[in-house]
Amino acid sequence: MKKIILLIPLMLTFSFLHADEIGKQLAQESGCLACHSVKTKVLGPSYQDVSKKYKQDKTAKSMLVKKIKDGGKGNWGNVPMPPHPQLKEKDIEKIVTWILSI
């Protein structure tokens, strides 16, 4: 019984790490890296900058999911972010979770 209790935190940590890796892979497969990178601004902001700006905001995840799905402009300058209606909302949520974990 003690072994099981000790394994629970390890299993939870692994599942979060795995979720982050899935989000990263989805971002790569969805073409997000054509306009964004982890550390430096490309056309859009770096994922580090997005994470830094929104990490403490409790409403950020849903707002970012909507922004990726519907597109928008003005939050990071004049370059608009095109909408991505072809992406599944669950996949966008995984991408956003990964971005906010950076």
Foldseek 3Di string as FASTA:
>chain_A
DVVVVVCVVVVVVVVLVVLLVLLVVLCVVLVVVVQEDQPQGRVHGHLQVVLVVPLVPPCVLVVQLCCQQCWADDPGDGDTGHHDVVDDSVSSSSNSSNSNVD
